[in-house]
Amino acid sequence: MGAGTFGRRPCATLKPRRALLVEDTRVEGATGDNPLFDPVMLRAPHALYEMMRSAGVMNAGDRGVIVSRRADVDVVLGDPLVFSSGMEVTHTGTDRPLIPLQIDPPRHREYRKILDPFFTPQRMREMEGSVTELARSLVDRVAGDGAVDFVEQFSIPFPSQVFLALLGLPMDDLPRFLELKDGFIRPESVTGQPRDHDDSVALMQQTAQAIYEYFEVVIEERQSRPGTDLVSRFLEFEADGDRLTHEDVLDVCFLFLAAGLDTVSASLDCMMLHLATHPDRRRALVDDPDLIPSAVEELLRWESPVMMVARVATTDTEIAGCPVRQGQHVLALVGAANVDPDGLADADVVRLDRDVNRHIAFGKGIHRCLGSHLARLELRVALREWHARFPEYQTSPAFEPVFNTSIRSLTSLPLLLGPDVPARS
């Protein structure tokens, strides 16, 4: 049962570290006893996902409810009128909503009508040559090394360079962009304080203003000297008489920086760690590069780097019979839904050649990721170019992965390149 009559039966309530929940889950992030952010769980979340699905919809106290079954997640992501994606979902220090992520119907459709044509599969295919050049240049830089940190030397700079090229920005701005990204997305990693600590909140707000200031200058330059870059095209494009305003373009660019850089990096981290620790699957891609497109989809499903997304209930409702009050947060565990056996046959098996793969790693419904086709292009190119140059690699002995919270990106991924590397204990 989906959204409907309020108050049929209570949600499950589960205790910290006992397997499942959390009386202090925070939609925007949490530490301490919350197993959703436990380092061990982040390395291998599937067992916890299974337990959470078996419990059904769960009560997270004053913070809202958590859904993990595919059918329930589909309800939440598929009804933006009841489960809003607006600014009230999380406080980021921005002046206005990030477009189109934090815009609900009917205005959402107006923005997607203008933005979707820029990110069609055909448009992305036209970019493949330039994206490939960027990937190869990064691979070339580490080709003579016996060991690399994949995070530092590839997964972070690659999507960031694609972003800079797409917007016509100088590559020299890369360090500044990475600083802005971290200050906005994970201020706790910069301040060393919890996300809701005054220092972290202040950094997030300061970073948001710095991002606005940066793109204000870019937009003003493109208005006076338009080019072929995406910012110039945003300013010029018209759909059925509708155009993006100056502030609209500013808010779209902000979202690109906040969402486009980190999620692709995280996806690459998860995929490469998986392949480094599963040599049979790595060899399958090396032996048959045509497997890479389906492997990208399967690893997105299995790893689900964006583990969860949040919504806010706009009215009293229910999910699978559990009551949800107006104003409550609803945390949809995309990672758990992607491996739900009720949503996909043999969901507990990794099949790189899976033909039909209706995962929701990019979300679902009208708020499905605007840049999903660009992300797919980047991931396919990255795996293709990396494995063409480095068919054999593995993690360093004794390496223990450390993931950032919420989005499963790695802090580092040391890889030993070549066939003559010591066996992993």
Protein backbone atom coordinates (compact mmCIF):
# COMPACT_ATOMS: atom_id res chain seq x y z
CA MET A 1 0.00 0.00 0.00
CA GLY A 2 1.29 3.46 -0.83
CA ALA A 3 0.33 6.90 0.37
CA GLY A 4 -3.22 6.95 1.65
CA THR A 5 -5.25 7.07 4.83
CA PHE A 6 -3.29 8.28 7.83
CA GLY A 7 -2.54 6.03 10.78
CA ARG A 8 -3.30 2.42 9.89
CA ARG A 9 -0.55 0.89 12.06
CA PRO A 10 2.64 2.04 13.77
CA CYS A 11 6.03 1.97 12.10
CA ALA A 12 8.74 -0.35 13.36
CA THR A 13 11.09 1.28 15.84
CA LEU A 14 14.54 -0.20 16.15
CA LYS A 15 17.45 0.52 18.43
CA PRO A 16 20.93 1.88 17.66
CA ARG A 17 23.64 -0.59 16.70
CA ARG A 18 21.32 -3.53 17.21
CA ALA A 19 21.13 -3.93 13.52
CA LEU A 20 18.79 -1.33 12.39
CA LEU A 21 17.78 2.02 13.52
CA VAL A 22 18.33 5.06 15.18
CA GLU A 23 16.44 7.28 17.38
CA ASP A 24 18.53 10.21 16.19
CA THR A 25 18.65 9.83 12.43
CA ARG A 26 19.27 13.12 10.71
CA VAL A 27 18.25 13.45 7.10
CA GLU A 28 21.26 15.56 6.25
CA GLY A 29 23.78 13.34 8.04
CA ALA A 30 24.53 11.81 11.41
CA THR A 31 27.29 10.33 13.51
CA GLY A 32 27.51 8.25 16.65
CA ASP A 33 25.14 5.35 17.09
CA ASN A 34 23.36 5.65 13.78
CA PRO A 35 24.17 2.44 11.86
CA LEU A 36 23.35 4.14 8.56
CA PHE A 37 26.58 6.08 9.01
CA ASP A 38 28.65 3.45 10.76
CA PRO A 39 32.03 2.94 8.99
CA VAL A 40 31.60 -0.82 8.91
CA MET A 41 28.15 -0.52 7.39
CA LEU A 42 29.39 1.88 4.73
CA ARG A 43 31.96 -0.69 3.57
CA ALA A 44 29.41 -3.50 3.22
CA PRO A 45 25.85 -2.23 3.66
CA HIS A 46 23.94 -5.13 2.13
CA ALA A 47 23.38 -7.11 5.32
CA LEU A 48 21.96 -4.03 7.03
CA TYR A 49 19.82 -3.27 4.00
CA GLU A 50 18.29 -6.74 4.23
CA MET A 51 17.46 -6.34 7.89
CA MET A 52 15.93 -2.92 7.32
CA ARG A 53 13.73 -4.20 4.50
CA SER A 54 12.55 -7.05 6.70
CA ALA A 55 11.44 -4.51 9.31
CA GLY A 56 9.47 -2.44 6.81
CA VAL A 57 8.88 1.27 7.31
CA MET A 58 10.81 2.46 10.36
CA ASN A 59 10.27 5.19 12.89
CA ALA A 60 13.24 7.53 13.32
CA GLY A 61 11.69 9.48 16.19
CA ASP A 62 11.23 13.18 15.69
CA ARG A 63 13.31 13.04 12.53
CA GLY A 64 10.74 11.17 10.46
CA VAL A 65 10.56 7.73 8.89
CA ILE A 66 12.85 5.52 6.84
CA VAL A 67 11.75 3.37 3.91
CA SER A 68 13.94 0.70 2.35
CA ARG A 69 11.73 -1.65 0.32
CA ARG A 70 11.63 -1.01 -3.41
CA ALA A 71 7.85 -0.67 -3.49
CA ASP A 72 7.86 1.89 -0.66
CA VAL A 73 10.78 3.86 -2.10
CA ASP A 74 8.96 3.97 -5.44
CA VAL A 75 5.93 5.48 -3.69
CA VAL A 76 8.01 8.20 -2.04
CA LEU A 77 10.02 9.12 -5.13
CA GLY A 78 7.04 8.84 -7.44
CA ASP A 79 4.70 11.30 -5.71
CA PRO A 80 6.30 14.76 -5.47
CA LEU A 81 2.99 16.35 -4.49
CA VAL A 82 2.90 14.35 -1.26
CA PHE A 83 6.67 13.92 -0.75
CA SER A 84 8.35 17.21 -1.56
CA SER A 85 11.93 17.69 -2.73
CA GLY A 86 11.92 21.39 -1.81
CA MET A 87 14.34 23.49 0.21
CA GLU A 88 12.84 22.38 3.51
CA VAL A 89 14.29 18.88 2.97
CA THR A 90 17.73 20.02 4.04
CA HIS A 91 19.29 23.31 5.04
CA THR A 92 22.30 24.07 2.89
CA GLY A 93 22.85 27.78 3.35
CA THR A 94 21.68 28.65 -0.16
CA ASP A 95 19.57 31.72 -0.90
CA ARG A 96 17.21 29.95 -3.29
CA PRO A 97 16.32 26.40 -4.36
CA LEU A 98 18.81 24.44 -6.42
CA ILE A 99 17.24 24.05 -9.88
CA PRO A 100 15.66 21.66 -10.75
CA LEU A 101 16.35 19.39 -7.74
CA GLN A 102 14.54 21.50 -5.14
CA ILE A 103 11.66 22.55 -7.37
CA ASP A 104 8.37 20.64 -7.19
CA PRO A 105 5.51 20.57 -9.73
CA PRO A 106 4.21 22.42 -11.56
CA ARG A 107 7.27 24.69 -11.87
CA HIS A 108 9.57 21.67 -12.07
CA ARG A 109 8.19 20.72 -15.49
CA GLU A 110 8.91 24.21 -16.82
CA TYR A 111 12.57 23.95 -15.86
CA ARG A 112 13.01 20.41 -17.15
CA LYS A 113 11.47 21.45 -20.47
CA ILE A 114 14.33 23.91 -20.88
CA LEU A 115 17.14 21.85 -19.35
CA ASP A 116 16.47 18.30 -20.58
CA PRO A 117 17.46 19.01 -24.23
CA PHE A 118 21.00 19.82 -23.09
CA PHE A 119 21.47 16.38 -21.53
CA THR A 120 19.96 13.92 -23.99
CA PRO A 121 21.83 10.69 -24.84
CA GLN A 122 22.58 12.11 -28.30
CA ARG A 123 24.14 15.26 -26.83
CA MET A 124 26.26 13.16 -24.51
CA ARG A 125 27.47 10.97 -27.39
CA GLU A 126 28.69 14.13 -29.09
CA MET A 127 30.86 14.81 -26.03
CA GLU A 128 32.48 11.38 -25.89
CA GLY A 129 35.63 12.42 -27.78
CA SER A 130 36.46 15.31 -25.46
CA VAL A 131 35.61 13.30 -22.33
CA THR A 132 37.85 10.49 -23.57
CA GLU A 133 40.75 12.92 -24.04
CA LEU A 134 40.42 14.08 -20.44
CA ALA A 135 40.37 10.50 -19.13
CA ARG A 136 43.39 9.52 -21.21
CA SER A 137 45.38 12.53 -20.05
CA LEU A 138 44.86 11.48 -16.41
CA VAL A 139 45.72 7.86 -17.18
CA ASP A 140 48.87 9.03 -18.98
CA ARG A 141 50.04 10.88 -15.87
CA VAL A 142 50.11 7.72 -13.76
CA ALA A 143 51.12 5.26 -16.48
CA GLY A 144 54.71 5.01 -15.25
CA ASP A 145 53.80 4.58 -11.59
CA GLY A 146 53.66 1.26 -9.85
CA ALA A 147 51.17 2.53 -7.29
CA VAL A 148 48.52 5.25 -7.38
CA ASP A 149 45.84 6.73 -5.21
CA PHE A 150 42.87 6.34 -7.52
CA VAL A 151 40.82 8.89 -5.57
CA GLU A 152 43.39 11.67 -5.64
CA GLN A 153 44.76 10.99 -9.11
CA PHE A 154 41.66 10.03 -11.05
CA SER A 155 38.19 9.85 -9.49
CA ILE A 156 38.25 13.39 -8.07
CA PRO A 157 39.92 15.29 -10.94
CA PHE A 158 38.20 13.48 -13.83
CA PRO A 159 34.54 14.55 -13.36
CA SER A 160 35.72 17.95 -12.16
CA GLN A 161 37.65 18.50 -15.36
CA VAL A 162 34.65 17.39 -17.42
CA PHE A 163 32.57 19.94 -15.51
CA LEU A 164 35.05 22.75 -16.12
CA ALA A 165 35.24 21.94 -19.83
CA LEU A 166 31.46 21.76 -20.14
CA LEU A 167 31.03 25.20 -18.61
CA GLY A 168 33.98 26.70 -20.45
CA LEU A 169 35.96 27.36 -17.29
CA PRO A 170 39.76 27.30 -16.93
CA MET A 171 41.35 24.06 -15.71
CA ASP A 172 43.43 26.17 -13.35
CA ASP A 173 40.23 26.68 -11.32
CA LEU A 174 40.15 22.98 -10.37
CA PRO A 175 41.66 23.39 -6.87
CA ARG A 176 39.18 26.17 -6.09
CA PHE A 177 36.25 24.05 -7.27
CA LEU A 178 37.30 21.12 -5.14
CA GLU A 179 37.58 23.40 -2.12
CA LEU A 180 34.09 24.78 -2.75
CA LYS A 181 32.66 21.29 -3.29
CA ASP A 182 33.98 19.95 -0.01
CA GLY A 183 32.98 23.04 1.96
CA PHE A 184 29.42 22.76 0.72
CA ILE A 185 28.81 19.01 0.48
CA ARG A 186 30.76 17.73 3.48
CA PRO A 187 31.77 20.62 5.72
CA GLU A 188 32.26 18.18 8.59
CA SER A 189 35.31 16.74 6.79
CA VAL A 190 36.86 20.21 6.69
CA THR A 191 35.98 21.43 10.17
CA GLY A 192 36.35 18.13 11.99
CA GLN A 193 33.00 18.85 13.67
CA PRO A 194 29.57 17.24 13.18
CA ARG A 195 27.54 18.56 10.29
CA ASP A 196 25.12 20.43 12.57
CA HIS A 197 27.92 22.02 14.63
CA ASP A 198 28.12 25.82 14.40
CA ASP A 199 31.50 25.66 12.66
CA SER A 200 30.24 23.30 9.97
CA VAL A 201 27.03 25.26 9.43
CA ALA A 202 29.02 28.49 9.13
CA LEU A 203 31.41 26.93 6.62
CA MET A 204 28.51 25.63 4.53
CA GLN A 205 26.91 29.06 4.45
CA GLN A 206 30.18 30.81 3.63
CA THR A 207 30.88 28.33 0.86
CA ALA A 208 27.39 28.77 -0.61
CA GLN A 209 27.97 32.51 -0.86
CA ALA A 210 31.38 31.96 -2.45
CA ILE A 211 29.79 29.68 -5.07
CA TYR A 212 27.18 32.33 -5.86
CA GLU A 213 29.89 34.96 -6.21
CA TYR A 214 31.98 32.78 -8.52
CA PHE A 215 29.14 32.02 -10.90
CA GLU A 216 27.85 35.59 -10.84
CA VAL A 217 31.10 36.63 -12.48
CA VAL A 218 30.94 33.77 -15.00
CA ILE A 219 27.35 34.58 -16.01
CA GLU A 220 28.09 38.28 -16.43
CA GLU A 221 31.04 37.42 -18.67
CA ARG A 222 28.92 35.09 -20.81
CA GLN A 223 26.19 37.69 -21.16
CA SER A 224 28.68 40.17 -22.61
CA ARG A 225 30.79 37.62 -24.53
CA PRO A 226 28.75 34.46 -25.21
CA GLY A 227 30.52 31.32 -26.35
CA THR A 228 29.66 27.70 -27.08
CA ASP A 229 29.85 26.58 -23.45
CA LEU A 230 26.86 25.40 -21.44
CA VAL A 231 26.43 28.63 -19.47
CA SER A 232 26.16 30.64 -22.69
CA ARG A 233 23.65 28.18 -24.10
CA PHE A 234 21.55 28.31 -20.93
CA LEU A 235 21.35 32.09 -21.26
CA GLU A 236 20.30 31.93 -24.92
CA PHE A 237 18.02 28.89 -25.07
CA GLU A 238 14.26 29.27 -25.31
CA ALA A 239 11.55 26.58 -25.12
CA ASP A 240 7.95 27.49 -25.98
CA GLY A 241 8.70 31.11 -25.19
CA ASP A 242 10.24 30.31 -21.77
CA ARG A 243 13.81 31.23 -20.88
CA LEU A 244 16.01 30.89 -17.84
CA THR A 245 16.56 34.07 -15.87
CA HIS A 246 19.96 35.19 -14.60
CA GLU A 247 19.15 33.75 -11.15
CA ASP A 248 17.85 30.53 -12.71
CA VAL A 249 21.16 29.98 -14.50
CA LEU A 250 23.00 30.77 -11.28
CA ASP A 251 21.01 28.15 -9.37
CA VAL A 252 21.45 25.53 -12.09
CA CYS A 253 25.22 26.04 -12.09
CA PHE A 254 25.24 25.77 -8.30
CA LEU A 255 23.50 22.41 -8.48
CA PHE A 256 25.93 21.16 -11.11
CA LEU A 257 28.86 21.89 -8.84
CA ALA A 258 27.17 20.42 -5.78
CA ALA A 259 25.77 17.28 -7.42
CA GLY A 260 27.71 16.65 -10.61
CA LEU A 261 31.22 16.43 -9.21
CA ASP A 262 30.80 14.37 -6.07
CA THR A 263 28.41 11.70 -7.29
CA VAL A 264 30.51 10.65 -10.28
CA SER A 265 33.65 10.58 -8.12
CA ALA A 266 31.84 8.43 -5.56
CA SER A 267 30.56 6.07 -8.24
CA LEU A 268 34.07 5.61 -9.62
CA ASP A 269 35.41 4.95 -6.13
CA CYS A 270 32.84 2.25 -5.44
CA MET A 271 33.23 0.63 -8.86
CA MET A 272 37.01 0.50 -8.79
CA LEU A 273 37.15 -0.84 -5.24
CA HIS A 274 34.66 -3.53 -6.25
CA LEU A 275 36.66 -4.51 -9.32
CA ALA A 276 39.99 -4.40 -7.48
CA THR A 277 38.67 -6.84 -4.89
CA HIS A 278 36.87 -9.07 -7.42
CA PRO A 279 39.56 -9.94 -9.98
CA ASP A 280 37.27 -12.26 -11.95
CA ARG A 281 34.95 -9.33 -12.69
CA ARG A 282 37.87 -7.07 -13.51
CA ARG A 283 39.19 -9.67 -15.96
CA ALA A 284 35.75 -9.97 -17.55
CA LEU A 285 35.81 -6.27 -18.44
CA VAL A 286 39.38 -6.46 -19.72
CA ASP A 287 38.59 -9.48 -21.88
CA ASP A 288 35.34 -8.02 -23.21
CA PRO A 289 35.14 -4.19 -23.09
CA ASP A 290 31.68 -4.42 -24.64
CA LEU A 291 30.52 -5.47 -21.15
CA ILE A 292 31.36 -2.05 -19.72
CA PRO A 293 27.99 -0.32 -20.36
CA SER A 294 26.01 -3.07 -18.63
CA ALA A 295 28.66 -3.36 -15.92
CA VAL A 296 28.27 0.35 -15.16
CA GLU A 297 24.53 -0.14 -14.63
CA GLU A 298 25.01 -3.23 -12.48
CA LEU A 299 27.66 -1.66 -10.29
CA LEU A 300 25.53 1.47 -9.88
CA ARG A 301 22.74 -0.81 -8.69
CA TRP A 302 24.87 -2.93 -6.42
CA GLU A 303 27.02 -0.21 -4.89
CA SER A 304 24.43 2.64 -4.96
CA PRO A 305 26.91 5.41 -4.12
CA VAL A 306 24.01 7.77 -3.35
CA MET A 307 22.64 5.55 -0.62
CA MET A 308 19.62 7.63 0.32
CA VAL A 309 17.53 10.62 -0.66
CA ALA A 310 15.25 12.72 1.51
CA ARG A 311 11.77 14.14 1.09
CA VAL A 312 9.32 16.04 3.31
CA ALA A 313 5.64 15.08 3.62
CA THR A 314 3.34 17.89 2.49
CA THR A 315 0.31 16.36 4.21
CA ASP A 316 -0.63 13.65 6.70
CA THR A 317 -0.33 10.37 4.83
CA GLU A 318 0.94 6.80 5.20
CA ILE A 319 3.45 4.50 3.61
CA ALA A 320 2.63 0.79 3.65
CA GLY A 321 0.18 1.49 6.47
CA CYS A 322 2.64 3.44 8.62
CA PRO A 323 1.64 7.00 9.48
CA VAL A 324 3.62 9.98 8.23
CA ARG A 325 2.79 13.43 9.56
CA GLN A 326 2.82 16.61 7.55
CA GLY A 327 6.26 18.15 7.79
CA GLN A 328 8.03 14.90 8.65
CA HIS A 329 11.15 13.91 6.80
CA VAL A 330 11.09 10.66 4.84
CA LEU A 331 14.45 9.04 4.12
CA ALA A 332 14.32 6.71 1.11
CA LEU A 333 17.14 4.16 1.12
CA VAL A 334 17.90 3.86 -2.56
CA GLY A 335 20.72 1.42 -1.87
CA ALA A 336 18.41 -1.00 -0.05
CA ALA A 337 15.71 -0.69 -2.72
CA ASN A 338 18.20 -1.47 -5.49
CA VAL A 339 18.99 -4.87 -4.00
CA ASP A 340 15.45 -5.76 -2.95
CA PRO A 341 14.60 -9.24 -4.31
CA ASP A 342 10.96 -8.20 -4.60
CA GLY A 343 12.02 -5.53 -7.08
CA LEU A 344 14.48 -7.55 -9.20
CA ALA A 345 15.13 -11.22 -9.84
CA ASP A 346 18.41 -12.44 -8.28
CA ALA A 347 18.98 -8.99 -6.80
CA ASP A 348 21.59 -10.44 -4.43
CA VAL A 349 23.83 -11.47 -7.34
CA VAL A 350 26.22 -9.20 -9.25
CA ARG A 351 25.79 -9.87 -12.97
CA LEU A 352 27.84 -7.58 -15.15
CA ASP A 353 25.93 -8.75 -18.23
CA ARG A 354 22.46 -8.10 -16.79
CA ASP A 355 20.17 -7.17 -19.69
CA VAL A 356 17.29 -5.52 -17.86
CA ASN A 357 18.37 -3.34 -14.97
CA ARG A 358 15.74 -0.92 -13.69
CA HIS A 359 17.83 0.37 -10.80
CA ILE A 360 17.11 3.73 -9.22
CA ALA A 361 20.68 4.84 -8.52
CA PHE A 362 19.81 8.09 -10.33
CA GLY A 363 16.51 8.44 -8.52
CA LYS A 364 13.04 7.95 -9.93
CA GLY A 365 10.12 10.06 -11.06
CA ILE A 366 10.25 13.68 -12.10
CA HIS A 367 13.30 14.41 -9.93
CA ARG A 368 15.37 11.72 -11.59
CA CYS A 369 18.93 13.02 -12.03
CA LEU A 370 19.14 15.59 -14.82
CA GLY A 371 22.75 14.64 -15.53
CA SER A 372 22.32 10.86 -15.51
CA HIS A 373 23.33 10.47 -19.17
CA LEU A 374 26.43 12.59 -18.61
CA ALA A 375 27.33 10.53 -15.53
CA ARG A 376 26.91 7.30 -17.50
CA LEU A 377 29.18 8.64 -20.24
CA GLU A 378 31.87 9.57 -17.73
CA LEU A 379 31.69 6.20 -15.98
CA ARG A 380 31.81 4.21 -19.23
CA VAL A 381 34.74 6.22 -20.55
CA ALA A 382 36.62 6.01 -17.26
CA LEU A 383 36.32 2.22 -16.98
CA ARG A 384 37.16 1.74 -20.65
CA GLU A 385 40.28 3.92 -20.64
CA TRP A 386 41.54 2.73 -17.26
CA HIS A 387 41.28 -0.97 -18.13
CA ALA A 388 42.76 -0.47 -21.59
CA ARG A 389 45.88 0.90 -19.90
CA PHE A 390 45.86 -1.02 -16.62
CA PRO A 391 44.35 -4.50 -17.11
CA GLU A 392 45.76 -5.71 -13.80
CA TYR A 393 45.67 -3.98 -10.43
CA GLN A 394 44.60 -4.59 -6.85
CA THR A 395 44.36 -2.76 -3.57
CA SER A 396 47.42 -2.38 -1.41
CA PRO A 397 47.89 -5.10 1.24
CA ALA A 398 46.15 -4.30 4.52
CA PHE A 399 44.14 -1.50 2.90
CA GLU A 400 40.91 -0.82 4.78
CA PRO A 401 38.47 1.43 2.93
CA VAL A 402 37.13 4.50 4.69
CA PHE A 403 33.95 5.93 3.21
CA ASN A 404 32.47 9.37 3.60
CA THR A 405 28.89 9.37 4.88
CA SER A 406 25.66 9.73 2.90
CA ILE A 407 27.41 9.56 -0.48
CA ARG A 408 29.73 6.55 -0.44
CA SER A 409 32.92 8.16 -1.68
CA LEU A 410 36.31 6.95 -0.48
CA THR A 411 38.87 9.09 1.29
CA SER A 412 41.59 7.21 -0.62
CA LEU A 413 41.98 4.12 -2.81
CA PRO A 414 45.61 3.00 -3.12
CA LEU A 415 46.05 0.66 -6.08
CA LEU A 416 49.06 -1.40 -7.10
CA LEU A 417 49.34 -1.54 -10.87
CA GLY A 418 50.61 -4.45 -12.92
CA PRO A 419 50.68 -8.23 -12.59
CA ASP A 420 53.59 -8.60 -10.18
CA VAL A 421 51.94 -7.20 -7.09
CA PRO A 422 51.93 -8.95 -3.72
CA ALA A 423 48.92 -11.08 -2.95
CA ARG A 424 46.31 -9.51 -0.70
CA SER A 425 46.14 -11.25 2.67
